[in-house]
């Protein structure tokens, strides 16, 4: 897997839980992608877990250095993607538009996304 689209759950495992498999995939990928929607969601999740604004900014800064952050997809395209969790639509569209493999730790997202993209759920 050389072109990867990283969702919020993947990034949380990567940056906060130091997940070895996530780190290996991240470090070995030729192209790492995400979008502004995921960055916003990552900020919210980290803050909810008690990270300070400074710590959150440091994580996002590191992400932006090593990962291409694409714009969020336009909302007028959301209705074309049917997922159980509608908040995951911008993530699936980001992976689909970029032609990347979606990496996640969210089993439901991975299952639903397979109708649109190659999705891999890590344990």
C-alpha atoms as a PDB file:
ATOM      1  CA  UNK A   1       0.000   0.000   0.000  1.00  0.00           C
ATOM      2  CA  UNK A   2       1.849   3.041  -1.178  1.00  0.00           C
ATOM      3  CA  UNK A   3      -0.935   5.682  -1.416  1.00  0.00           C
ATOM      4  CA  UNK A   4      -2.866   5.923   1.843  1.00  0.00           C
ATOM      5  CA  UNK A   5      -5.780   8.041   3.025  1.00  0.00           C
ATOM      6  CA  UNK A   6      -5.709   8.297   6.814  1.00  0.00           C
ATOM      7  CA  UNK A   7      -8.903   8.688   8.815  1.00  0.00           C
ATOM      8  CA  UNK A   8      -9.267  10.146  12.289  1.00  0.00           C
ATOM      9  CA  UNK A   9      -9.163   6.823  14.142  1.00  0.00           C
ATOM     10  CA  UNK A  10      -5.924   5.895  12.378  1.00  0.00           C
ATOM     11  CA  UNK A  11      -4.332   9.232  13.278  1.00  0.00           C
ATOM     12  CA  UNK A  12      -5.428   8.987  16.908  1.00  0.00           C
ATOM     13  CA  UNK A  13      -3.824   5.537  17.180  1.00  0.00           C
ATOM     14  CA  UNK A  14      -0.720   6.780  15.395  1.00  0.00           C
ATOM     15  CA  UNK A  15      -0.117   9.917  17.448  1.00  0.00           C
ATOM     16  CA  UNK A  16      -1.532   9.091  20.878  1.00  0.00           C
ATOM     17  CA  UNK A  17      -1.337   5.340  21.306  1.00  0.00           C
ATOM     18  CA  UNK A  18       1.923   4.806  19.442  1.00  0.00           C
ATOM     19  CA  UNK A  19       0.387   1.854  17.615  1.00  0.00           C
ATOM     20  CA  UNK A  20       3.277  -0.106  16.012  1.00  0.00           C
ATOM     21  CA  UNK A  21       1.419  -1.326  12.915  1.00  0.00           C
ATOM     22  CA  UNK A  22      -0.015   2.137  12.280  1.00  0.00           C
ATOM     23  CA  UNK A  23       3.467   3.653  12.611  1.00  0.00           C
ATOM     24  CA  UNK A  24       4.967   1.104  10.240  1.00  0.00           C
ATOM     25  CA  UNK A  25       2.331   1.729   7.559  1.00  0.00           C
ATOM     26  CA  UNK A  26       2.619   5.483   8.003  1.00  0.00           C
ATOM     27  CA  UNK A  27       6.412   5.490   7.775  1.00  0.00           C
ATOM     28  CA  UNK A  28       6.568   3.180   4.757  1.00  0.00           C
ATOM     29  CA  UNK A  29       3.862   4.830   2.636  1.00  0.00           C
ATOM     30  CA  UNK A  30       5.056   6.738  -0.403  1.00  0.00           C
ATOM     31  CA  UNK A  31       2.052   9.042  -0.271  1.00  0.00           C
ATOM     32  CA  UNK A  32       0.065   9.905   2.867  1.00  0.00           C
ATOM     33  CA  UNK A  33      -3.186  11.827   2.449  1.00  0.00           C
ATOM     34  CA  UNK A  34      -6.026  13.106   4.579  1.00  0.00           C
ATOM     35  CA  UNK A  35      -8.362  16.080   4.366  1.00  0.00           C
ATOM     36  CA  UNK A  36      -9.320  19.168   6.343  1.00  0.00           C
ATOM     37  CA  UNK A  37     -12.420  17.416   7.660  1.00  0.00           C
ATOM     38  CA  UNK A  38     -10.238  14.756   9.294  1.00  0.00           C
ATOM     39  CA  UNK A  39      -7.880  17.410  10.714  1.00  0.00           C
ATOM     40  CA  UNK A  40     -10.852  19.214  12.301  1.00  0.00           C
ATOM     41  CA  UNK A  41     -12.183  15.931  13.702  1.00  0.00           C
ATOM     42  CA  UNK A  42      -8.710  15.020  15.012  1.00  0.00           C
ATOM     43  CA  UNK A  43      -8.491  18.361  16.832  1.00  0.00           C
ATOM     44  CA  UNK A  44     -11.881  17.738  18.450  1.00  0.00           C
ATOM     45  CA  UNK A  45     -11.034  14.150  19.510  1.00  0.00           C
ATOM     46  CA  UNK A  46      -7.672  15.118  21.011  1.00  0.00           C
ATOM     47  CA  UNK A  47      -9.226  18.022  22.941  1.00  0.00           C
ATOM     48  CA  UNK A  48     -11.938  15.667  24.258  1.00  0.00           C
ATOM     49  CA  UNK A  49      -9.190  13.319  25.457  1.00  0.00           C
ATOM     50  CA  UNK A  50      -7.662  16.126  27.511  1.00  0.00           C
ATOM     51  CA  UNK A  51      -4.871  17.289  25.231  1.00  0.00           C
ATOM     52  CA  UNK A  52      -3.988  20.970  25.613  1.00  0.00           C
ATOM     53  CA  UNK A  53      -4.336  23.389  22.695  1.00  0.00           C
ATOM     54  CA  UNK A  54      -0.544  23.397  22.401  1.00  0.00           C
ATOM     55  CA  UNK A  55      -0.357  19.599  22.275  1.00  0.00           C
ATOM     56  CA  UNK A  56      -3.132  19.445  19.687  1.00  0.00           C
ATOM     57  CA  UNK A  57      -1.358  22.072  17.576  1.00  0.00           C
ATOM     58  CA  UNK A  58       1.884  20.087  17.782  1.00  0.00           C
ATOM     59  CA  UNK A  59       0.151  16.923  16.533  1.00  0.00           C
ATOM     60  CA  UNK A  60      -1.543  18.777  13.680  1.00  0.00           C
ATOM     61  CA  UNK A  61       1.716  20.507  12.753  1.00  0.00           C
ATOM     62  CA  UNK A  62       3.511  17.143  12.593  1.00  0.00           C
ATOM     63  CA  UNK A  63       0.681  15.728  10.501  1.00  0.00           C
ATOM     64  CA  UNK A  64       0.841  18.621   8.028  1.00  0.00           C
ATOM     65  CA  UNK A  65       4.619  18.185   7.658  1.00  0.00           C
ATOM     66  CA  UNK A  66       4.397  14.507   6.719  1.00  0.00           C
ATOM     67  CA  UNK A  67       0.971  14.178   5.126  1.00  0.00           C
ATOM     68  CA  UNK A  68      -0.741  15.996   2.276  1.00  0.00           C
ATOM     69  CA  UNK A  69      -3.930  17.573   3.625  1.00  0.00           C
ATOM     70  CA  UNK A  70      -6.554  17.902   0.914  1.00  0.00           C
ATOM     71  CA  UNK A  71      -9.563  20.218   1.039  1.00  0.00           C
ATOM     72  CA  UNK A  72     -12.758  18.769   2.438  1.00  0.00           C
ATOM     73  CA  UNK A  73     -15.189  17.576  -0.249  1.00  0.00           C
ATOM     74  CA  UNK A  74     -18.181  19.762  -1.023  1.00  0.00           C
ATOM     75  CA  UNK A  75     -21.391  18.894   0.806  1.00  0.00           C
ATOM     76  CA  UNK A  76     -23.387  18.708  -2.418  1.00  0.00           C
ATOM     77  CA  UNK A  77     -21.623  15.385  -3.119  1.00  0.00           C
ATOM     78  CA  UNK A  78     -22.505  13.779   0.229  1.00  0.00           C
ATOM     79  CA  UNK A  79     -25.819  12.297  -0.885  1.00  0.00           C
ATOM     80  CA  UNK A  80     -23.994  10.053  -3.382  1.00  0.00           C
ATOM     81  CA  UNK A  81     -22.387   8.064  -0.565  1.00  0.00           C
ATOM     82  CA  UNK A  82     -24.566   5.848   1.649  1.00  0.00           C
ATOM     83  CA  UNK A  83     -22.963   5.068   5.011  1.00  0.00           C
ATOM     84  CA  UNK A  84     -24.431   4.138   8.373  1.00  0.00           C
ATOM     85  CA  UNK A  85     -22.482   6.996   9.971  1.00  0.00           C
ATOM     86  CA  UNK A  86     -23.061  10.048   7.781  1.00  0.00           C
ATOM     87  CA  UNK A  87     -20.164  11.857   9.473  1.00  0.00           C
ATOM     88  CA  UNK A  88     -17.812   9.464   7.652  1.00  0.00           C
ATOM     89  CA  UNK A  89     -18.912  10.582   4.182  1.00  0.00           C
ATOM     90  CA  UNK A  90     -16.174  13.276   3.843  1.00  0.00           C
ATOM     91  CA  UNK A  91     -13.575  10.635   4.713  1.00  0.00           C
ATOM     92  CA  UNK A  92     -14.795   8.141   2.106  1.00  0.00           C
ATOM     93  CA  UNK A  93     -15.055  10.873  -0.528  1.00  0.00           C
ATOM     94  CA  UNK A  94     -11.506  11.989   0.290  1.00  0.00           C
ATOM     95  CA  UNK A  95     -10.163   8.470  -0.188  1.00  0.00           C
ATOM     96  CA  UNK A  96     -12.225   7.943  -3.332  1.00  0.00           C
ATOM     97  CA  UNK A  97     -11.225  11.257  -4.924  1.00  0.00           C
ATOM     98  CA  UNK A  98      -7.543  10.679  -4.205  1.00  0.00           C
ATOM     99  CA  UNK A  99      -7.527   7.061  -5.376  1.00  0.00           C
ATOM    100  CA  UNK A 100      -5.944   6.011  -2.097  1.00  0.00           C
ATOM    101  CA  UNK A 101      -6.458   3.060   0.228  1.00  0.00           C
ATOM    102  CA  UNK A 102      -8.456   4.130   3.281  1.00  0.00           C
ATOM    103  CA  UNK A 103      -6.815   3.155   6.582  1.00  0.00           C
ATOM    104  CA  UNK A 104      -9.000   3.113   9.678  1.00  0.00           C
ATOM    105  CA  UNK A 105      -9.551   1.432  13.021  1.00  0.00           C
ATOM    106  CA  UNK A 106     -13.335   1.826  12.586  1.00  0.00           C
ATOM    107  CA  UNK A 107     -14.860  -1.529  11.574  1.00  0.00           C
ATOM    108  CA  UNK A 108     -18.205  -0.056  10.522  1.00  0.00           C
ATOM    109  CA  UNK A 109     -16.544   2.579   8.350  1.00  0.00           C
ATOM    110  CA  UNK A 110     -14.281   0.002   6.711  1.00  0.00           C
ATOM    111  CA  UNK A 111     -17.213  -2.284   5.949  1.00  0.00           C
ATOM    112  CA  UNK A 112     -19.392   0.514   4.510  1.00  0.00           C
ATOM    113  CA  UNK A 113     -16.534   2.193   2.625  1.00  0.00           C
ATOM    114  CA  UNK A 114     -15.744  -0.982   0.686  1.00  0.00           C
ATOM    115  CA  UNK A 115     -18.667  -0.112  -1.574  1.00  0.00           C
ATOM    116  CA  UNK A 116     -16.663   2.904  -2.782  1.00  0.00           C
ATOM    117  CA  UNK A 117     -12.950   2.446  -2.041  1.00  0.00           C
ATOM    118  CA  UNK A 118     -10.386  -0.100  -0.934  1.00  0.00           C
ATOM    119  CA  UNK A 119     -10.594   0.150   2.858  1.00  0.00           C
ATOM    120  CA  UNK A 120      -8.401  -1.583   5.418  1.00  0.00           C
ATOM    121  CA  UNK A 121      -9.351  -1.841   9.069  1.00  0.00           C
ATOM    122  CA  UNK A 122      -6.507  -2.378  11.492  1.00  0.00           C
ATOM    123  CA  UNK A 123      -6.986  -4.131  14.826  1.00  0.00           C
END
